[in-house]
Amino acid sequence: MYSIYIIDILLAFLLDCILGDPYNFPHPVRFIGKFIRFFEKQIRKKERSKKALRYFYGPLLGITTVLATFFIVYFLLKLAFSINIYLYHFLNVIILWTSIAPRCLANEGYKVYKALKDEDVDLARERVSYLVSRDTKSLDEEGITRATVETILENVSDGIIAPMFFIFIFGAPLALVYKAINTLDSMVGYKNEKYEDLGFFSAKLDDLVNFIPARLSGLLISVASLLLGFNFRNSFKVFFRDRLKHKSPNSAHPEAAGAGALNIRLGGPNYYFGKIVEKPYIGDEIEKVNFKHILSSIKLLYGSTILMLLIGVIVYL
């Protein structure tokens, strides 16, 4: 029988704090991505109607990826348990470790901070380009900082709180299912000619599974802002006021809470693939955005992560 072990969850978090996300490690998401690309390739071997892509092949891709991920992880752990309890715990910790990414996200943000601190704007543009889809070649220091802070805050939900939420519901199998859905959305969930139909199901599924975690992330960031000495009153105010100012039903929740906590304004117009895209502003410009806000957003990241761990442990016990 599959069980959730609190000690395994805590060990996985500590492992991430120590090692982060090694680039050469055989990460499960890479295999999920390869499966998605293979499946998509088979679908596109023949001409498909938009209706067939949206209502048959898109759902087939999403459901197959989710089920394959769940049952592979579930039966791998079950097999390990039948062989040796220590092998089970080892494998469980490794899988849990790969499903959360606080240190990796913090490290990538810190790289941008370090470049800006050293006044190397070109290097900062290069490093932030790995984190965002917007055009970065013309960004100034403020634009680079804003893009980095937005990415860190948004990914508090996607990369940390959401997988932890599902870990506490059904452990590693459900955590990897979430990562599979997140990967589907990042690979085929685009609103463009190529993917608007094939990726429709995956995008909606991603919105669904992130509904609770995104709102939970906003609340956790606000509480963390109180504990860390940031502007928690403004965090709560901006969170409830601006959390729906985004095309995505989920993305703005952690961004709004973080913007309020740091007394800065995020969002606004940005260039994507050479075209300007108008987005609403989130937060108030009480302070001018500067590179030190990247470090502050990293503190909020870790604060909300630890709060989620504590809540999960208390509720579970």
Protein backbone atom coordinates (compact mmCIF):
# COMPACT_ATOMS: atom_id res chain seq x y z
CA MET A 1 0.00 0.00 0.00
CA TYR A 2 1.38 3.41 -0.96
CA SER A 3 2.09 5.74 1.96
CA ILE A 4 3.21 9.32 2.47
CA TYR A 5 6.22 9.70 4.76
CA ILE A 6 6.81 13.14 6.25
CA ILE A 7 10.50 12.39 6.83
CA ASP A 8 10.93 11.69 3.10
CA ILE A 9 9.38 15.05 2.23
CA LEU A 10 11.66 16.89 4.64
CA LEU A 11 14.72 15.01 3.36
CA ALA A 12 13.78 15.89 -0.22
CA PHE A 13 13.55 19.58 0.73
CA LEU A 14 16.94 19.45 2.49
CA LEU A 15 18.44 17.69 -0.51
CA ASP A 16 17.21 20.47 -2.76
CA CYS A 17 18.61 23.11 -0.39
CA ILE A 18 22.01 21.39 -0.50
CA LEU A 19 22.25 20.25 -4.13
CA GLY A 20 19.64 22.25 -6.00
CA ASP A 21 18.74 20.79 -9.39
CA PRO A 22 21.94 19.38 -10.99
CA TYR A 23 21.90 19.99 -14.74
CA ASN A 24 23.26 16.55 -15.66
CA PHE A 25 20.89 14.63 -13.38
CA PRO A 26 18.37 12.41 -15.26
CA HIS A 27 15.38 14.55 -14.27
CA PRO A 28 11.94 12.90 -14.72
CA VAL A 29 10.64 16.02 -16.48
CA ARG A 30 13.13 15.40 -19.31
CA PHE A 31 11.62 11.95 -19.91
CA ILE A 32 8.11 13.39 -19.70
CA GLY A 33 9.12 16.02 -22.27
CA LYS A 34 10.53 13.37 -24.61
CA PHE A 35 7.31 11.38 -24.32
CA ILE A 36 5.23 14.47 -25.17
CA ARG A 37 7.39 15.27 -28.20
CA PHE A 38 7.19 11.63 -29.40
CA PHE A 39 3.41 11.56 -28.97
CA GLU A 40 3.01 14.90 -30.76
CA LYS A 41 5.18 13.65 -33.63
CA GLN A 42 2.92 10.62 -34.08
CA ILE A 43 -0.18 12.82 -34.07
CA ARG A 44 1.23 15.17 -36.71
CA LYS A 45 2.28 12.42 -39.12
CA LYS A 46 -1.12 12.84 -40.74
CA GLU A 47 -3.18 15.92 -41.42
CA ARG A 48 -5.69 16.44 -38.59
CA SER A 49 -8.63 18.82 -38.50
CA LYS A 50 -8.68 21.55 -35.87
CA LYS A 51 -11.72 19.93 -34.31
CA ALA A 52 -9.98 16.56 -34.05
CA LEU A 53 -6.87 18.16 -32.53
CA ARG A 54 -8.86 20.08 -29.93
CA TYR A 55 -11.40 17.47 -28.89
CA PHE A 56 -9.65 14.15 -29.46
CA TYR A 57 -5.89 14.23 -29.96
CA GLY A 58 -5.22 17.05 -27.48
CA PRO A 59 -7.11 15.32 -24.65
CA LEU A 60 -5.55 11.99 -25.69
CA LEU A 61 -2.07 13.50 -25.39
CA GLY A 62 -2.84 15.05 -22.00
CA ILE A 63 -4.60 12.06 -20.44
CA THR A 64 -2.02 9.56 -21.73
CA THR A 65 0.86 11.64 -20.36
CA VAL A 66 -0.80 12.02 -16.97
CA LEU A 67 -1.75 8.34 -16.62
CA ALA A 68 1.63 7.09 -17.82
CA THR A 69 3.43 9.35 -15.36
CA PHE A 70 1.24 8.35 -12.41
CA PHE A 71 1.38 4.60 -12.93
CA ILE A 72 5.09 4.46 -13.75
CA VAL A 73 5.96 6.33 -10.54
CA TYR A 74 3.40 4.42 -8.47
CA PHE A 75 4.53 0.97 -9.57
CA LEU A 76 8.23 1.86 -9.40
CA LEU A 77 7.76 2.82 -5.75
CA LYS A 78 5.61 -0.23 -5.10
CA LEU A 79 8.29 -2.48 -6.61
CA ALA A 80 10.99 -0.77 -4.55
CA PHE A 81 8.87 -1.27 -1.40
CA SER A 82 8.49 -4.98 -2.13
CA ILE A 83 12.26 -5.37 -2.53
CA ASN A 84 13.53 -3.32 0.40
CA ILE A 85 12.06 -0.57 2.59
CA TYR A 86 15.29 1.43 2.44
CA LEU A 87 15.30 1.24 -1.36
CA TYR A 88 11.74 2.55 -1.32
CA HIS A 89 12.62 5.53 0.87
CA PHE A 90 15.71 6.31 -1.22
CA LEU A 91 13.73 6.29 -4.47
CA ASN A 92 10.85 8.23 -2.90
CA VAL A 93 13.18 10.98 -1.65
CA ILE A 94 14.87 11.26 -5.06
CA ILE A 95 11.54 11.60 -6.90
CA LEU A 96 10.22 14.12 -4.38
CA TRP A 97 13.47 16.07 -4.66
CA THR A 98 13.05 16.38 -8.44
CA SER A 99 9.49 17.68 -8.10
CA ILE A 100 10.34 20.86 -6.15
CA ALA A 101 12.83 23.54 -7.14
CA PRO A 102 13.32 26.32 -4.57
CA ARG A 103 17.11 26.42 -4.79
CA CYS A 104 17.22 26.20 -8.59
CA LEU A 105 14.79 29.11 -8.91
CA ALA A 106 16.67 31.11 -6.28
CA ASN A 107 20.03 30.40 -7.95
CA GLU A 108 18.82 31.56 -11.36
CA GLY A 109 17.48 34.76 -9.83
CA TYR A 110 20.70 35.33 -7.92
CA LYS A 111 22.74 35.03 -11.15
CA VAL A 112 20.81 37.98 -12.58
CA TYR A 113 21.22 39.91 -9.31
CA LYS A 114 24.99 39.30 -9.29
CA ALA A 115 25.36 40.52 -12.89
CA LEU A 116 23.41 43.71 -12.13
CA LYS A 117 25.36 44.27 -8.92
CA ASP A 118 28.57 44.01 -10.96
CA GLU A 119 27.05 46.52 -13.46
CA ASP A 120 27.24 43.97 -16.27
CA VAL A 121 23.88 44.70 -17.92
CA ASP A 122 24.65 42.61 -21.02
CA LEU A 123 25.30 39.52 -18.88
CA ALA A 124 22.16 40.24 -16.87
CA ARG A 125 20.13 40.41 -20.11
CA GLU A 126 21.58 37.07 -21.19
CA ARG A 127 20.80 35.41 -17.86
CA VAL A 128 17.26 36.73 -17.62
CA SER A 129 16.62 35.53 -21.20
CA TYR A 130 16.86 31.96 -19.85
CA LEU A 131 14.02 32.69 -17.43
CA VAL A 132 11.45 34.61 -19.49
CA SER A 133 9.86 34.46 -22.93
CA ARG A 134 9.79 38.24 -23.44
CA ASP A 135 12.40 40.07 -25.55
CA THR A 136 15.34 40.98 -23.32
CA LYS A 137 17.86 42.61 -25.68
CA SER A 138 16.60 46.14 -25.06
CA LEU A 139 15.78 45.81 -21.34
CA ASP A 140 17.43 48.27 -18.97
CA GLU A 141 18.31 47.48 -15.35
CA GLU A 142 14.78 48.17 -14.16
CA GLY A 143 13.24 46.00 -16.89
CA ILE A 144 15.65 43.15 -16.16
CA THR A 145 14.90 43.34 -12.45
CA ARG A 146 11.15 43.44 -13.00
CA ALA A 147 11.28 40.42 -15.31
CA THR A 148 13.36 38.46 -12.79
CA VAL A 149 11.16 39.31 -9.81
CA GLU A 150 8.00 38.45 -11.76
CA THR A 151 9.45 35.08 -12.76
CA ILE A 152 10.56 34.22 -9.23
CA LEU A 153 7.18 35.14 -7.72
CA GLU A 154 5.12 33.37 -10.37
CA ASN A 155 7.22 30.22 -10.08
CA VAL A 156 6.82 30.13 -6.31
CA SER A 157 3.47 28.58 -7.19
CA ASP A 158 4.41 26.50 -10.27
CA GLY A 159 7.79 25.28 -9.07
CA ILE A 160 7.32 24.90 -5.32
CA ILE A 161 3.92 25.36 -3.65
CA ALA A 162 1.86 23.46 -6.24
CA PRO A 163 4.02 20.30 -6.29
CA MET A 164 4.24 20.39 -2.48
CA PHE A 165 0.45 20.73 -2.30
CA PHE A 166 0.05 17.54 -4.33
CA ILE A 167 2.84 15.79 -2.42
CA PHE A 168 0.83 16.17 0.78
CA ILE A 169 -2.26 14.76 -0.96
CA PHE A 170 -0.73 11.62 -2.51
CA GLY A 171 3.04 11.85 -2.40
CA ALA A 172 5.46 11.41 -5.28
CA PRO A 173 3.03 9.95 -7.88
CA LEU A 174 0.72 12.96 -7.73
CA ALA A 175 3.63 15.42 -7.52
CA LEU A 176 5.03 14.02 -10.78
CA VAL A 177 1.55 14.12 -12.33
CA TYR A 178 1.51 17.84 -11.56
CA LYS A 179 4.96 18.24 -13.16
CA ALA A 180 3.68 16.35 -16.21
CA ILE A 181 0.70 18.71 -16.54
CA ASN A 182 2.99 21.70 -16.08
CA THR A 183 5.32 20.32 -18.77
CA LEU A 184 2.42 19.73 -21.14
CA ASP A 185 1.34 23.35 -20.73
CA SER A 186 4.87 24.67 -21.27
CA MET A 187 5.35 22.56 -24.42
CA VAL A 188 1.96 22.62 -26.18
CA GLY A 189 -0.21 25.06 -24.22
CA TYR A 190 0.46 28.06 -26.47
CA LYS A 191 -2.23 30.26 -27.99
CA ASN A 192 -0.74 30.27 -31.47
CA GLU A 193 -1.64 28.66 -34.79
CA LYS A 194 0.41 25.53 -34.16
CA TYR A 195 -0.83 24.71 -30.65
CA GLU A 196 -4.10 26.54 -30.00
CA ASP A 197 -6.06 23.35 -30.71
CA LEU A 198 -3.65 20.55 -29.78
CA GLY A 199 -2.69 22.33 -26.56
CA PHE A 200 -6.17 23.55 -25.57
CA PHE A 201 -6.85 20.63 -23.21
CA SER A 202 -3.39 20.79 -21.62
CA ALA A 203 -3.67 24.55 -21.00
CA LYS A 204 -7.09 24.19 -19.36
CA LEU A 205 -5.89 21.24 -17.28
CA ASP A 206 -2.93 23.33 -16.08
CA ASP A 207 -5.31 26.15 -15.10
CA LEU A 208 -7.42 23.67 -13.15
CA VAL A 209 -4.62 22.02 -11.13
CA ASN A 210 -3.06 25.41 -10.31
CA PHE A 211 -6.30 27.00 -9.12
CA ILE A 212 -5.84 26.27 -5.41
CA PRO A 213 -2.00 26.37 -5.28
CA ALA A 214 -1.84 29.80 -6.95
CA ARG A 215 -4.17 31.34 -4.39
CA LEU A 216 -2.42 29.51 -1.58
CA SER A 217 0.91 30.85 -2.85
CA GLY A 218 -0.37 34.43 -2.71
CA LEU A 219 -1.51 33.99 0.87
CA LEU A 220 1.74 32.30 1.90
CA ILE A 221 3.80 35.10 0.36
CA SER A 222 1.75 37.66 2.28
CA VAL A 223 2.23 35.80 5.57
CA ALA A 224 5.93 35.35 4.81
CA SER A 225 6.20 39.11 4.20
CA LEU A 226 5.00 39.68 7.78
CA LEU A 227 7.56 37.26 9.23
CA LEU A 228 10.38 38.65 7.07
CA GLY A 229 9.73 42.31 7.82
CA PHE A 230 8.28 43.37 4.47
CA ASN A 231 5.08 45.38 3.97
CA PHE A 232 2.52 42.68 4.81
CA ARG A 233 -0.45 45.07 4.95
CA ASN A 234 0.27 46.25 1.42
CA SER A 235 0.89 42.66 0.37
CA PHE A 236 -2.60 41.59 1.42
CA LYS A 237 -4.13 44.74 -0.07
CA VAL A 238 -2.49 44.33 -3.48
CA PHE A 239 -3.06 40.57 -3.44
CA PHE A 240 -6.83 40.93 -3.14
CA ARG A 241 -6.93 43.94 -5.46
CA ASP A 242 -4.67 42.85 -8.33
CA ARG A 243 -4.63 39.04 -8.22
CA LEU A 244 -6.92 38.73 -11.26
CA LYS A 245 -5.04 41.21 -13.46
CA HIS A 246 -3.67 38.59 -15.84
CA LYS A 247 -4.93 36.58 -18.82
CA SER A 248 -4.10 33.46 -16.84
CA PRO A 249 -6.54 32.85 -13.95
CA ASN A 250 -3.60 31.91 -11.70
CA SER A 251 -0.38 33.75 -12.56
CA ALA A 252 -1.08 37.09 -10.92
CA HIS A 253 -1.84 35.78 -7.41
CA PRO A 254 1.75 35.30 -6.18
CA GLU A 255 2.94 38.27 -8.25
CA ALA A 256 0.38 40.58 -6.64
CA ALA A 257 1.24 39.44 -3.11
CA GLY A 258 4.96 39.84 -3.80
CA ALA A 259 4.61 43.24 -5.47
CA GLY A 260 2.66 44.53 -2.49
CA ALA A 261 5.17 43.11 -0.01
CA LEU A 262 8.09 44.78 -1.82
CA ASN A 263 6.27 48.10 -2.46
CA ILE A 264 6.91 47.87 -6.21
CA ARG A 265 4.91 47.80 -9.43
CA LEU A 266 5.16 44.80 -11.75
CA GLY A 267 3.53 43.98 -15.07
CA GLY A 268 2.92 46.59 -17.74
CA PRO A 269 3.74 46.46 -21.47
CA ASN A 270 6.52 44.16 -22.74
CA TYR A 271 7.85 43.04 -26.10
CA TYR A 272 7.31 39.43 -27.15
CA PHE A 273 8.81 38.26 -30.45
CA GLY A 274 9.15 41.85 -31.65
CA LYS A 275 5.58 42.86 -30.80
CA ILE A 276 4.51 44.93 -27.82
CA VAL A 277 1.96 43.26 -25.55
CA GLU A 278 -0.02 45.48 -23.19
CA LYS A 279 -0.46 44.01 -19.72
CA PRO A 280 -2.05 45.61 -16.67
CA TYR A 281 0.18 46.86 -13.87
CA ILE A 282 0.28 44.91 -10.63
CA GLY A 283 1.10 46.73 -7.40
CA ASP A 284 1.94 50.37 -6.67
CA GLU A 285 5.20 52.16 -7.36
CA ILE A 286 5.92 53.08 -3.74
CA GLU A 287 9.57 52.20 -4.35
CA LYS A 288 11.52 52.31 -7.60
CA VAL A 289 12.38 48.82 -8.82
CA ASN A 290 16.07 48.05 -8.32
CA PHE A 291 18.21 44.91 -8.39
CA LYS A 292 18.06 44.50 -4.59
CA HIS A 293 14.41 43.55 -4.99
CA ILE A 294 15.59 40.30 -6.58
CA LEU A 295 17.14 39.25 -3.27
CA SER A 296 13.95 40.28 -1.47
CA SER A 297 11.84 38.13 -3.81
CA ILE A 298 14.17 35.17 -3.12
CA LYS A 299 13.59 35.67 0.62
CA LEU A 300 9.83 35.57 0.00
CA LEU A 301 10.35 32.41 -2.03
CA TYR A 302 12.06 30.59 0.83
CA GLY A 303 9.73 32.05 3.44
CA SER A 304 6.60 30.81 1.66
CA THR A 305 8.24 27.43 1.00
CA ILE A 306 9.02 26.86 4.68
CA LEU A 307 5.51 27.98 5.65
CA MET A 308 4.05 25.45 3.18
CA LEU A 309 6.21 22.73 4.67
CA LEU A 310 5.12 23.57 8.20
CA ILE A 311 1.44 23.73 7.27
CA GLY A 312 1.67 20.45 5.37
CA VAL A 313 3.36 18.66 8.25
CA ILE A 314 0.92 20.03 10.84
CA VAL A 315 -2.18 19.17 8.76
CA TYR A 316 -0.84 15.71 7.92
CA LEU A 317 0.08 14.87 11.51
